[in-house]
Amino acid sequence: MRPVRLLIALLAVLLMATMAPAMAAPAPTITVDPTITSRSAYRVIGVPVSAANLTGTSADLLLDGELVRSLPVAGDGTITLDHVTFPTITRGQHTLGLRQGGAVVASAAITVAFDPFEVVPRPIWITAEKLRDEGVVLSGQNLGVRTNFIAQVASVRREAQSDVNGRLEFTIRTEDELLAPGLYPAGVFEQPGNDPNRLSYRNLRVTVLDAVTRDRGTVVEGSGFAPESEVQLLVGGQVQGSAVPNSDGVVRIDAPVTATVDVTLRGPSGEVTRSLSLTRRADLTAEPTPAEVAEAARIIQAAQDLQATSQTLKERVEEVAQTSGASSSTAPVPVILPNGLIQDEIRAVESIYGTYPGATTTQTAGGTLSINAGGLQSQMSSQVDRENARIRELLARTQSGSTPDLDALLAEIAEAMRNTEAAQKAVIRSSTPELIPGALSANGVATVPVPSSFRGLHQVAVVDLATGIVTVSQQFQVATPADGTLPNTGSDVGPAWIAAGALAAAAGAVLLVSGRRRRYS
């Protein structure tokens, strides 16, 4: 029996020796404690993560199979981290994993629960004007009975308190402050409200709203609206359609009418109104001709030129008008203008709307020129209104776009032409150039002295002080004396230019300095 017992003992020793290596290498593990916690803990505060029984010097931490970051492995095969955050994690079930050598060696299930301290701003996208005037609502629950907090949007802080049910509905405005577009923290803090005591916040987007037409005017496209929030399209105060913006804040709604109308897009973020030329798809006509496309491009170019010239003209004339207005003198006052500025502006206006009304008149040197500026401006106003409607339809038809800047400029020109208040106009003898104080009477008659030294072709312009738009352009011819005296434009010019001017005057032409998209300063 002893040999049998000895054999059994020997077999047992061999079996234990065979199993020993497997028992010495336990499987890697990953642990999250606790496995169920709030989204704020995972996203902001951080959760402890540990691992054991690893080999090598590093391991990849995975969230649902996607890399979070690479972690160092200690010499004893462990990982110990007190605070690991997952900024994009969502509520629900997820899986954390560790990857080494291309394979997942350990995993653990976690649950992201409802955050009892989450306070959400409504709306999450908002215009600076609406944030100032109406504010956002910070909404939360399970905050404790009548707990005091500091509510904050950007740098604005206000005291707030939850109700008897632990709910918070608090409206906060920026009041006198208009924030620049961008992301700002919005949420609540434990008093006294410094960052380490933050309970919950979200990034509030201060947005800029806009509305344009697309697809030949058949679609109204809005931008800057909060995603997943209904945006309504209104015409004449009536809702004509609605849609939900995409993740970029862009919403598209079919045009409900064929007309140039004021269109409002309204959503939780705010509202924007633009005058747009719309075309229902059912009314869509054939493709635009090359001539129409070229004309639209020419009008847009002229509008860009006009924006540059009118701004400079407004600033220069306004300065002189204010100075001369303080004096009882009616003597002409020099206006320092870039060479050819007024002529460039007149060309830009006429390129958009056609020639200014009023034929060239003849005037005697040393006399007085009388112009029915009010009547000429009224004719030009009708011309502008008629052409604006055509231009908007042309831009919509050629898909050139009805941009807010261009729409605003067309409306500004129309308003300047309608404004007949003499006190808001300036009369310039533009060939000198000089401002003539008190030249425009209340009934719209402009009286302009013609110096005895004037010869040849000259020009008078009426400028709207609010916009710098030339509303009246009147040319007048001063006869050249029999003695052959050269034309005098009132400017100091060199001999070469004088000779050129004499030739031009003899041919009945006008010398104008022109330029495309000139920058005036």
Protein backbone atom coordinates (compact mmCIF):
# COMPACT_ATOMS: atom_id res chain seq x y z
CA MET A 1 0.00 0.00 0.00
CA ARG A 2 2.85 2.31 0.72
CA PRO A 3 3.97 2.46 -2.93
CA VAL A 4 0.39 3.37 -3.96
CA ARG A 5 0.15 6.13 -1.36
CA LEU A 6 3.52 7.43 -2.43
CA LEU A 7 2.41 7.51 -6.06
CA ILE A 8 -0.76 9.41 -5.17
CA ALA A 9 1.20 11.99 -3.20
CA LEU A 10 3.61 12.44 -6.08
CA LEU A 11 0.74 13.00 -8.53
CA ALA A 12 -0.78 15.64 -6.21
CA VAL A 13 2.50 17.54 -6.05
CA LEU A 14 2.79 17.47 -9.84
CA LEU A 15 -0.81 18.74 -10.23
CA MET A 16 -0.24 21.66 -7.85
CA ALA A 17 2.96 22.57 -9.65
CA THR A 18 1.06 22.64 -12.98
CA MET A 19 -1.68 24.95 -11.57
CA ALA A 20 0.70 27.34 -9.80
CA PRO A 21 1.51 29.64 -12.81
CA ALA A 22 -2.21 30.20 -13.58
CA MET A 23 -2.98 31.15 -9.98
CA ALA A 24 -0.01 33.57 -9.94
CA ALA A 25 -1.39 35.72 -12.85
CA PRO A 26 -4.93 36.93 -12.03
CA ALA A 27 -6.89 38.75 -14.75
CA PRO A 28 -6.63 42.57 -15.02
CA THR A 29 -9.50 44.57 -13.47
CA ILE A 30 -10.86 48.13 -13.67
CA THR A 31 -12.97 49.63 -10.91
CA VAL A 32 -15.08 52.82 -10.74
CA ASP A 33 -16.46 53.79 -7.36
CA PRO A 34 -19.35 54.42 -7.27
CA THR A 35 -20.55 52.83 -10.50
CA ILE A 36 -23.76 54.86 -10.40
CA THR A 37 -23.44 58.63 -9.98
CA SER A 38 -24.56 61.91 -11.52
CA ARG A 39 -23.57 63.41 -14.83
CA SER A 40 -21.97 66.41 -13.07
CA ALA A 41 -19.72 64.02 -11.16
CA TYR A 42 -18.58 62.34 -14.38
CA ARG A 43 -18.31 65.53 -16.41
CA VAL A 44 -17.01 68.16 -13.96
CA ILE A 45 -16.10 66.82 -10.52
CA GLY A 46 -14.49 63.56 -11.61
CA VAL A 47 -14.76 59.98 -10.34
CA PRO A 48 -12.06 57.66 -8.88
CA VAL A 49 -10.79 55.02 -11.29
CA SER A 50 -8.43 52.19 -10.34
CA ALA A 51 -7.03 49.11 -12.05
CA ALA A 52 -4.92 46.10 -11.04
CA ASN A 53 -3.08 43.11 -12.43
CA LEU A 54 -1.84 44.95 -15.51
CA THR A 55 1.37 44.39 -17.42
CA GLY A 56 3.51 46.85 -19.29
CA THR A 57 3.88 50.58 -18.60
CA SER A 58 0.66 52.07 -20.01
CA ALA A 59 -2.95 51.29 -20.84
CA ASP A 60 -5.64 53.09 -22.87
CA LEU A 61 -8.79 54.15 -21.00
CA LEU A 62 -11.86 53.64 -23.19
CA LEU A 63 -15.44 54.91 -22.93
CA ASP A 64 -17.80 52.80 -25.00
CA GLY A 65 -14.86 51.67 -27.10
CA GLU A 66 -13.56 55.21 -27.80
CA LEU A 67 -10.21 56.40 -26.47
CA VAL A 68 -10.43 58.82 -23.53
CA ARG A 69 -6.73 59.02 -22.71
CA SER A 70 -3.64 56.90 -22.11
CA LEU A 71 -2.80 56.12 -18.45
CA PRO A 72 0.55 55.14 -16.90
CA VAL A 73 0.78 51.75 -15.19
CA ALA A 74 2.72 51.56 -11.92
CA GLY A 75 5.47 49.00 -11.35
CA ASP A 76 3.08 46.78 -9.36
CA GLY A 77 0.64 46.65 -12.29
CA THR A 78 -1.89 49.14 -10.85
CA ILE A 79 -3.52 52.43 -11.84
CA THR A 80 -4.93 54.73 -9.16
CA LEU A 81 -6.61 58.03 -10.08
CA ASP A 82 -8.73 60.11 -7.72
CA HIS A 83 -10.53 62.27 -10.30
CA VAL A 84 -11.15 61.28 -13.91
CA THR A 85 -13.60 63.41 -15.92
CA PHE A 86 -15.57 62.49 -19.03
CA PRO A 87 -16.68 65.92 -20.43
CA THR A 88 -19.03 64.55 -23.13
CA ILE A 89 -20.63 61.64 -21.29
CA THR A 90 -24.44 61.40 -21.43
CA ARG A 91 -27.02 59.91 -19.11
CA GLY A 92 -27.56 56.14 -19.29
CA GLN A 93 -25.50 52.94 -19.39
CA HIS A 94 -21.88 53.03 -20.51
CA THR A 95 -18.82 50.76 -20.50
CA LEU A 96 -15.33 51.71 -19.33
CA GLY A 97 -12.49 49.61 -20.63
CA LEU A 98 -8.71 49.22 -20.53
CA ARG A 99 -6.83 48.35 -23.68
CA GLN A 100 -3.32 46.93 -23.91
CA GLY A 101 -1.57 45.55 -26.95
CA GLY A 102 -4.61 46.27 -29.11
CA ALA A 103 -6.97 44.17 -26.98
CA VAL A 104 -9.45 45.12 -24.24
CA VAL A 105 -8.12 43.43 -21.10
CA ALA A 106 -10.66 44.73 -18.55
CA SER A 107 -14.08 46.42 -18.50
CA ALA A 108 -16.69 47.72 -16.09
CA ALA A 109 -20.30 48.86 -16.49
CA ILE A 110 -21.24 52.33 -15.21
CA THR A 111 -24.50 54.26 -15.00
CA VAL A 112 -24.77 58.03 -15.44
CA ALA A 113 -27.79 59.06 -13.40
CA PHE A 114 -29.99 62.16 -13.28
CA ASP A 115 -27.99 65.04 -11.90
CA PRO A 116 -29.84 66.39 -8.86
CA PHE A 117 -27.92 69.64 -9.11
CA GLU A 118 -28.29 70.29 -12.82
CA VAL A 119 -29.49 73.80 -13.63
CA VAL A 120 -30.23 74.43 -17.30
CA PRO A 121 -30.56 77.88 -18.93
CA ARG A 122 -33.54 78.37 -21.25
CA PRO A 123 -33.00 79.13 -24.07
CA ILE A 124 -29.49 77.75 -24.46
CA TRP A 125 -28.84 80.10 -27.45
CA ILE A 126 -29.95 83.72 -27.12
CA THR A 127 -29.29 87.11 -28.72
CA ALA A 128 -27.43 89.75 -26.70
CA GLU A 129 -30.48 92.03 -26.93
CA LYS A 130 -32.90 89.41 -25.61
CA LEU A 131 -30.46 88.46 -22.84
CA ARG A 132 -30.29 92.10 -21.82
CA ASP A 133 -34.02 92.83 -22.05
CA GLU A 134 -35.70 89.51 -21.13
CA GLY A 135 -32.92 87.31 -19.80
CA VAL A 136 -32.63 83.54 -19.52
CA VAL A 137 -34.38 81.24 -17.05
CA LEU A 138 -32.11 79.07 -14.87
CA SER A 139 -34.16 75.98 -14.10
CA GLY A 140 -33.34 73.11 -11.71
CA GLN A 141 -34.77 70.77 -9.09
CA ASN A 142 -33.76 68.72 -6.03
CA LEU A 143 -31.74 71.72 -4.87
CA GLY A 144 -32.87 71.62 -1.25
CA VAL A 145 -35.67 73.53 0.48
CA ARG A 146 -35.17 77.31 0.29
CA THR A 147 -31.46 76.95 -0.40
CA ASN A 148 -29.59 80.15 -1.21
CA PHE A 149 -27.53 80.29 -4.39
CA ILE A 150 -25.67 82.75 -6.58
CA ALA A 151 -27.09 82.70 -10.11
CA GLN A 152 -24.61 83.73 -12.79
CA VAL A 153 -24.52 84.51 -16.51
CA ALA A 154 -21.12 85.62 -17.81
CA SER A 155 -19.91 88.10 -15.16
CA VAL A 156 -23.41 89.03 -13.92
CA ARG A 157 -24.31 87.52 -10.53
CA ARG A 158 -27.58 87.67 -8.61
CA GLU A 159 -28.86 86.06 -5.39
CA ALA A 160 -31.40 83.29 -5.92
CA GLN A 161 -33.27 80.78 -3.75
CA SER A 162 -34.96 77.45 -4.40
CA ASP A 163 -38.61 77.03 -3.35
CA VAL A 164 -40.17 74.75 -0.70
CA ASN A 165 -40.01 71.84 -3.17
CA GLY A 166 -36.32 72.35 -3.95
CA ARG A 167 -37.06 73.76 -7.41
CA LEU A 168 -35.44 76.81 -8.96
CA GLU A 169 -36.89 78.98 -11.72
CA PHE A 170 -34.82 82.14 -11.77
CA THR A 171 -34.62 84.76 -14.56
CA ILE A 172 -31.34 86.63 -14.89
CA ARG A 173 -30.61 89.49 -17.31
CA THR A 174 -27.43 91.29 -18.27
CA GLU A 175 -29.38 94.57 -17.96
CA ASP A 176 -27.21 97.39 -19.34
CA GLU A 177 -24.57 95.08 -20.78
CA LEU A 178 -24.64 93.79 -24.38
CA LEU A 179 -22.43 90.71 -24.57
CA ALA A 180 -20.36 89.98 -27.64
CA PRO A 181 -21.23 86.77 -29.51
CA GLY A 182 -19.64 83.70 -27.87
CA LEU A 183 -19.96 81.13 -25.08
CA TYR A 184 -20.57 82.18 -21.47
CA PRO A 185 -21.10 80.09 -18.29
CA ALA A 186 -24.67 80.13 -17.00
CA GLY A 187 -25.69 78.35 -13.80
CA VAL A 188 -25.80 78.49 -10.00
CA PHE A 189 -23.13 78.48 -7.29
CA GLU A 190 -23.23 77.90 -3.58
CA GLN A 191 -22.80 81.17 -1.79
CA PRO A 192 -20.48 83.05 -1.79
CA GLY A 193 -20.31 81.87 -5.38
CA ASN A 194 -16.67 81.25 -6.21
CA ASP A 195 -15.72 78.67 -8.82
CA PRO A 196 -14.73 75.77 -6.50
CA ASN A 197 -18.28 75.81 -5.11
CA ARG A 198 -19.95 75.62 -8.48
CA LEU A 199 -22.89 73.24 -8.42
CA SER A 200 -24.09 73.25 -12.00
CA TYR A 201 -23.55 75.26 -15.15
CA ARG A 202 -23.91 75.08 -18.90
CA ASN A 203 -22.31 77.13 -21.64
CA LEU A 204 -24.82 79.70 -22.89
CA ARG A 205 -24.30 80.82 -26.48
CA VAL A 206 -24.85 84.51 -27.22
CA THR A 207 -25.81 84.39 -30.87
CA VAL A 208 -26.45 86.70 -33.82
CA LEU A 209 -29.57 86.06 -35.87
CA ASP A 210 -29.86 86.64 -39.59
CA ALA A 211 -32.24 85.87 -42.45
CA VAL A 212 -31.50 85.67 -46.17
CA THR A 213 -33.04 84.06 -49.24
CA ARG A 214 -31.67 80.98 -50.96
CA ASP A 215 -32.52 78.94 -54.05
CA ARG A 216 -33.67 81.93 -56.13
CA GLY A 217 -35.80 83.30 -53.34
CA THR A 218 -37.81 80.13 -52.76
CA VAL A 219 -36.28 79.48 -49.32
CA VAL A 220 -35.85 81.73 -46.31
CA GLU A 221 -32.72 80.69 -44.44
CA GLY A 222 -32.17 81.76 -40.84
CA SER A 223 -28.96 81.39 -38.87
CA GLY A 224 -27.98 81.68 -35.21
CA PHE A 225 -31.06 79.92 -33.80
CA ALA A 226 -30.95 77.35 -31.00
CA PRO A 227 -30.87 73.79 -32.38
CA GLU A 228 -33.92 71.58 -31.85
CA SER A 229 -36.19 74.56 -31.11
CA GLU A 230 -39.10 75.57 -33.30
CA VAL A 231 -38.57 78.69 -35.41
CA GLN A 232 -41.58 80.40 -36.99
CA LEU A 233 -41.71 82.42 -40.21
CA LEU A 234 -44.08 85.39 -40.07
CA VAL A 235 -45.27 87.69 -42.85
CA GLY A 236 -47.49 90.61 -41.88
CA GLY A 237 -47.59 89.33 -38.31
CA GLN A 238 -49.09 85.98 -39.39
CA VAL A 239 -47.29 82.64 -39.03
CA GLN A 240 -46.68 81.20 -42.49
CA GLY A 241 -44.48 78.24 -41.64
CA SER A 242 -42.05 76.74 -39.15
CA ALA A 243 -39.08 74.40 -38.94
CA VAL A 244 -36.41 73.17 -36.53
CA PRO A 245 -32.79 74.39 -36.91
CA ASN A 246 -29.98 71.92 -37.39
CA SER A 247 -27.05 71.50 -34.99
CA ASP A 248 -25.37 74.57 -36.54
CA GLY A 249 -28.38 76.78 -35.79
CA VAL A 250 -29.46 77.03 -39.45
CA VAL A 251 -33.16 76.76 -40.33
CA ARG A 252 -34.73 76.69 -43.81
CA ILE A 253 -38.40 77.43 -44.52
CA ASP A 254 -40.08 77.56 -47.93
CA ALA A 255 -41.16 81.02 -49.11
CA PRO A 256 -44.95 81.34 -48.60
CA VAL A 257 -45.56 84.17 -51.11
CA THR A 258 -44.13 85.78 -54.23
CA ALA A 259 -43.42 89.36 -53.21
CA THR A 260 -40.90 91.67 -51.58
CA VAL A 261 -42.05 91.74 -47.95
CA ASP A 262 -40.83 92.09 -44.38
CA VAL A 263 -40.10 88.58 -43.12
CA THR A 264 -39.67 87.75 -39.43
CA LEU A 265 -38.02 84.59 -38.09
CA ARG A 266 -38.92 84.06 -34.44
CA GLY A 267 -37.70 81.44 -31.98
CA PRO A 268 -36.71 81.04 -28.34
CA SER A 269 -33.32 82.62 -29.12
CA GLY A 270 -34.94 85.86 -30.34
CA GLU A 271 -36.25 87.20 -33.63
CA VAL A 272 -34.94 88.93 -36.74
CA THR A 273 -36.80 90.87 -39.43
CA ARG A 274 -35.53 91.47 -42.95
CA SER A 275 -37.06 92.83 -46.15
CA LEU A 276 -36.68 89.94 -48.60
CA SER A 277 -37.74 89.19 -52.16
CA LEU A 278 -39.54 85.83 -52.02
CA THR A 279 -40.71 83.50 -54.76
CA ARG A 280 -42.99 80.53 -54.18
CA ARG A 281 -41.70 77.43 -55.89
CA ALA A 282 -44.93 77.24 -57.88
CA ASP A 283 -44.20 80.72 -59.30
CA LEU A 284 -40.57 80.04 -60.15
CA THR A 285 -39.69 81.09 -63.68
CA ALA A 286 -36.95 79.98 -66.04
CA GLU A 287 -33.25 80.30 -65.26
CA PRO A 288 -31.86 83.88 -65.37
CA THR A 289 -30.14 85.01 -68.53
CA PRO A 290 -26.42 85.88 -68.62
CA ALA A 291 -27.42 89.54 -69.06
CA GLU A 292 -29.46 89.42 -65.84
CA VAL A 293 -26.59 87.82 -63.95
CA ALA A 294 -24.19 90.49 -65.24
CA GLU A 295 -26.60 93.28 -64.29
CA ALA A 296 -26.96 91.89 -60.76
CA ALA A 297 -23.16 91.77 -60.39
CA ARG A 298 -22.90 95.37 -61.67
CA ILE A 299 -25.50 96.60 -59.15
CA ILE A 300 -23.75 94.85 -56.26
CA GLN A 301 -20.43 96.39 -57.29
CA ALA A 302 -21.99 99.86 -57.53
CA ALA A 303 -23.57 99.42 -54.09
CA GLN A 304 -20.18 98.58 -52.60
CA ASP A 305 -18.69 101.70 -54.23
CA LEU A 306 -21.56 103.82 -52.93
CA GLN A 307 -21.10 102.60 -49.36
CA ALA A 308 -17.47 103.78 -49.42
CA THR A 309 -18.14 107.20 -50.95
CA SER A 310 -21.28 108.09 -48.97
CA GLN A 311 -19.67 107.39 -45.61
CA THR A 312 -16.70 109.65 -46.39
CA LEU A 313 -18.92 112.37 -47.87
CA LYS A 314 -21.20 112.29 -44.82
CA GLU A 315 -18.32 112.74 -42.40
CA ARG A 316 -16.63 115.57 -44.32
CA VAL A 317 -19.79 117.55 -45.15
CA GLU A 318 -21.28 117.12 -41.69
CA GLU A 319 -18.18 118.67 -40.09
CA VAL A 320 -18.37 121.74 -42.32
CA ALA A 321 -22.18 121.99 -42.08
CA GLN A 322 -22.03 122.07 -38.29
CA THR A 323 -19.35 124.78 -38.35
CA SER A 324 -21.13 126.95 -40.91
CA GLY A 325 -24.49 126.41 -39.23
CA ALA A 326 -23.21 128.13 -36.11
CA SER A 327 -22.50 131.27 -38.13
CA SER A 328 -24.91 133.70 -39.77
CA SER A 329 -22.59 133.96 -42.76
CA THR A 330 -23.87 132.67 -46.10
CA ALA A 331 -20.47 132.78 -47.77
CA PRO A 332 -19.30 129.50 -49.35
CA VAL A 333 -17.23 127.31 -47.05
CA PRO A 334 -14.49 125.07 -48.53
CA VAL A 335 -14.99 121.32 -48.10
CA ILE A 336 -11.87 119.17 -48.19
CA LEU A 337 -12.79 116.08 -50.21
CA PRO A 338 -10.76 113.33 -51.89
CA ASN A 339 -10.38 114.10 -55.59
CA GLY A 340 -13.42 112.97 -57.58
CA LEU A 341 -15.37 111.76 -54.54
CA ILE A 342 -18.73 113.35 -55.42
CA GLN A 343 -18.42 112.36 -59.08
CA ASP A 344 -17.66 108.78 -58.05
CA GLU A 345 -20.73 108.70 -55.81
CA ILE A 346 -23.00 110.14 -58.50
CA ARG A 347 -21.74 107.49 -60.94
CA ALA A 348 -22.46 104.74 -58.38
CA VAL A 349 -26.01 106.02 -57.76
CA GLU A 350 -26.71 106.36 -61.49
CA SER A 351 -25.31 102.88 -62.11
CA ILE A 352 -27.97 101.51 -59.77
CA TYR A 353 -30.93 103.82 -60.48
CA GLY A 354 -30.29 105.60 -63.77
CA THR A 355 -29.47 109.25 -64.47
CA TYR A 356 -30.47 111.92 -61.98
CA PRO A 357 -33.41 114.05 -63.22
CA GLY A 358 -32.59 117.54 -64.47
CA ALA A 359 -31.02 118.66 -67.74
CA THR A 360 -27.85 120.77 -67.85
CA THR A 361 -28.70 124.47 -67.60
CA THR A 362 -26.85 127.57 -68.83
CA GLN A 363 -25.75 130.20 -66.36
CA THR A 364 -23.98 133.57 -66.57
CA ALA A 365 -20.74 134.01 -64.61
CA GLY A 366 -21.22 136.27 -61.61
CA GLY A 367 -24.95 135.48 -61.43
CA THR A 368 -27.05 133.16 -59.28
CA LEU A 369 -28.21 129.65 -60.13
CA SER A 370 -31.69 128.69 -58.94
CA ILE A 371 -32.55 124.97 -58.77
CA ASN A 372 -35.89 123.33 -57.95
CA ALA A 373 -34.08 120.79 -55.73
CA GLY A 374 -37.29 119.63 -54.07
CA GLY A 375 -38.91 118.76 -57.40
CA LEU A 376 -35.79 117.02 -58.70
CA GLN A 377 -35.46 115.00 -55.49
CA SER A 378 -39.12 113.98 -55.66
CA GLN A 379 -38.59 112.65 -59.18
CA MET A 380 -35.49 110.78 -58.06
CA SER A 381 -37.38 109.35 -55.07
CA SER A 382 -40.01 107.81 -57.35
CA GLN A 383 -37.23 106.51 -59.58
CA VAL A 384 -35.47 104.90 -56.59
CA ASP A 385 -38.64 103.26 -55.22
CA ARG A 386 -39.44 101.80 -58.63
CA GLU A 387 -35.93 100.51 -59.20
CA ASN A 388 -35.55 99.08 -55.67
CA ALA A 389 -38.46 96.71 -56.27
CA ARG A 390 -36.96 95.64 -59.59
CA ILE A 391 -33.48 95.22 -58.09
CA ARG A 392 -34.70 92.99 -55.27
CA GLU A 393 -36.56 90.79 -57.74
CA LEU A 394 -33.49 90.66 -59.98
CA LEU A 395 -31.22 89.62 -57.10
CA ALA A 396 -33.66 86.92 -56.07
CA ARG A 397 -34.03 85.67 -59.64
CA THR A 398 -30.28 85.51 -60.25
CA GLN A 399 -29.59 83.89 -56.84
CA SER A 400 -27.28 86.79 -56.08
CA GLY A 401 -28.70 86.83 -52.58
CA SER A 402 -30.61 89.50 -50.71
CA THR A 403 -28.01 90.31 -48.08
CA PRO A 404 -28.88 92.41 -45.03
CA ASP A 405 -26.18 94.99 -45.91
CA LEU A 406 -27.51 95.49 -49.44
CA ASP A 407 -31.14 95.54 -48.30
CA ALA A 408 -30.27 98.13 -45.67
CA LEU A 409 -28.45 100.30 -48.22
CA LEU A 410 -31.36 100.23 -50.68
CA ALA A 411 -33.74 101.21 -47.89
CA GLU A 412 -31.35 103.95 -46.71
CA ILE A 413 -31.16 105.48 -50.19
CA ALA A 414 -34.97 105.45 -50.50
CA GLU A 415 -35.32 107.16 -47.11
CA ALA A 416 -32.72 109.80 -48.03
CA MET A 417 -34.67 110.59 -51.20
CA ARG A 418 -37.95 110.91 -49.28
CA ASN A 419 -36.46 113.26 -46.68
CA THR A 420 -37.11 116.84 -47.84
CA GLU A 421 -36.21 118.71 -44.63
CA ALA A 422 -33.93 121.58 -45.64
CA ALA A 423 -32.12 121.50 -42.30
CA GLN A 424 -31.07 117.91 -42.99
CA LYS A 425 -29.55 118.67 -46.38
CA ALA A 426 -26.34 120.35 -47.50
CA VAL A 427 -25.81 122.12 -50.84
CA ILE A 428 -22.34 121.79 -52.36
CA ARG A 429 -20.94 123.54 -55.40
CA SER A 430 -19.02 120.34 -56.06
CA SER A 431 -16.67 121.62 -58.76
CA THR A 432 -14.94 123.89 -56.20
CA PRO A 433 -15.83 122.10 -53.81
CA GLU A 434 -17.62 124.46 -51.39
CA LEU A 435 -20.62 124.17 -49.11
CA ILE A 436 -23.20 126.95 -49.59
CA PRO A 437 -24.82 127.68 -46.18
CA GLY A 438 -28.53 128.47 -46.25
CA ALA A 439 -28.78 127.72 -49.96
CA LEU A 440 -31.81 125.40 -49.65
CA SER A 441 -35.08 127.07 -48.73
CA ALA A 442 -38.00 125.45 -46.92
CA ASN A 443 -39.88 125.03 -50.19
CA GLY A 444 -36.97 123.11 -51.73
CA VAL A 445 -35.39 125.82 -53.92
CA ALA A 446 -31.59 125.90 -53.93
CA THR A 447 -29.95 129.27 -54.66
CA VAL A 448 -26.25 129.00 -55.53
CA PRO A 449 -23.95 131.90 -56.47
CA VAL A 450 -21.82 131.45 -59.59
CA PRO A 451 -18.42 133.17 -59.24
CA SER A 452 -17.43 135.54 -62.04
CA SER A 453 -14.29 133.44 -62.57
CA PHE A 454 -16.29 130.29 -63.44
CA ARG A 455 -16.15 128.99 -67.01
CA GLY A 456 -17.20 125.73 -68.60
CA LEU A 457 -19.16 122.88 -66.96
CA HIS A 458 -19.86 122.83 -63.20
CA GLN A 459 -22.05 120.91 -60.83
CA VAL A 460 -24.23 121.40 -57.73
CA ALA A 461 -25.04 118.49 -55.42
CA VAL A 462 -27.54 118.24 -52.58
CA VAL A 463 -26.30 115.83 -49.90
CA ASP A 464 -28.39 114.12 -47.23
CA LEU A 465 -26.53 114.79 -43.96
CA ALA A 466 -27.76 111.61 -42.27
CA THR A 467 -26.48 109.21 -44.94
CA GLY A 468 -24.05 111.08 -47.20
CA ILE A 469 -26.25 110.18 -50.20
CA VAL A 470 -26.38 112.71 -53.06
CA THR A 471 -30.12 113.29 -53.58
CA VAL A 472 -29.88 115.95 -56.31
CA SER A 473 -27.22 116.39 -58.99
CA GLN A 474 -27.50 119.44 -61.26
CA GLN A 475 -24.96 120.44 -63.93
CA PHE A 476 -24.72 123.97 -65.29
CA GLN A 477 -22.72 125.44 -68.16
CA VAL A 478 -20.93 128.80 -67.89
CA ALA A 479 -20.10 130.23 -71.32
CA THR A 480 -16.45 130.77 -72.24
CA PRO A 481 -15.71 134.47 -73.00
CA ALA A 482 -14.70 135.54 -76.49
CA ASP A 483 -11.18 136.34 -75.24
CA GLY A 484 -10.51 132.59 -74.79
CA THR A 485 -10.04 132.66 -71.01
CA LEU A 486 -9.52 129.12 -69.74
CA PRO A 487 -12.24 127.47 -67.65
CA ASN A 488 -11.83 128.06 -63.91
CA THR A 489 -12.95 125.20 -61.68
CA GLY A 490 -11.84 126.88 -58.47
CA SER A 491 -9.06 124.30 -57.97
CA ASP A 492 -5.29 124.73 -57.98
CA VAL A 493 -4.04 122.52 -60.83
CA GLY A 494 -0.83 122.26 -62.83
CA PRO A 495 -0.31 123.52 -66.42
CA ALA A 496 -0.69 120.06 -67.95
CA TRP A 497 -4.07 119.54 -66.33
CA ILE A 498 -5.16 123.09 -67.31
CA ALA A 499 -4.36 122.35 -70.94
CA ALA A 500 -6.23 119.05 -70.76
CA GLY A 501 -9.18 120.86 -69.17
CA ALA A 502 -9.25 123.40 -71.99
CA LEU A 503 -9.43 120.64 -74.59
CA ALA A 504 -12.15 118.85 -72.65
CA ALA A 505 -14.22 122.03 -72.27
CA ALA A 506 -13.89 122.79 -75.97
CA ALA A 507 -15.24 119.30 -76.71
CA GLY A 508 -18.08 119.74 -74.22
CA ALA A 509 -16.69 116.97 -71.98
CA VAL A 510 -16.10 116.75 -68.22
CA LEU A 511 -12.86 115.59 -66.61
CA LEU A 512 -13.67 113.20 -63.73
CA VAL A 513 -11.24 111.18 -61.64
CA SER A 514 -12.73 107.71 -61.33
CA GLY A 515 -11.83 104.48 -59.57
CA ARG A 516 -13.30 101.08 -58.80
CA ARG A 517 -13.95 100.45 -55.11
CA ARG A 518 -11.67 103.32 -54.12
CA ARG A 519 -10.87 103.56 -50.41
CA TYR A 520 -11.57 107.10 -49.20
CA SER A 521 -10.07 108.54 -46.04
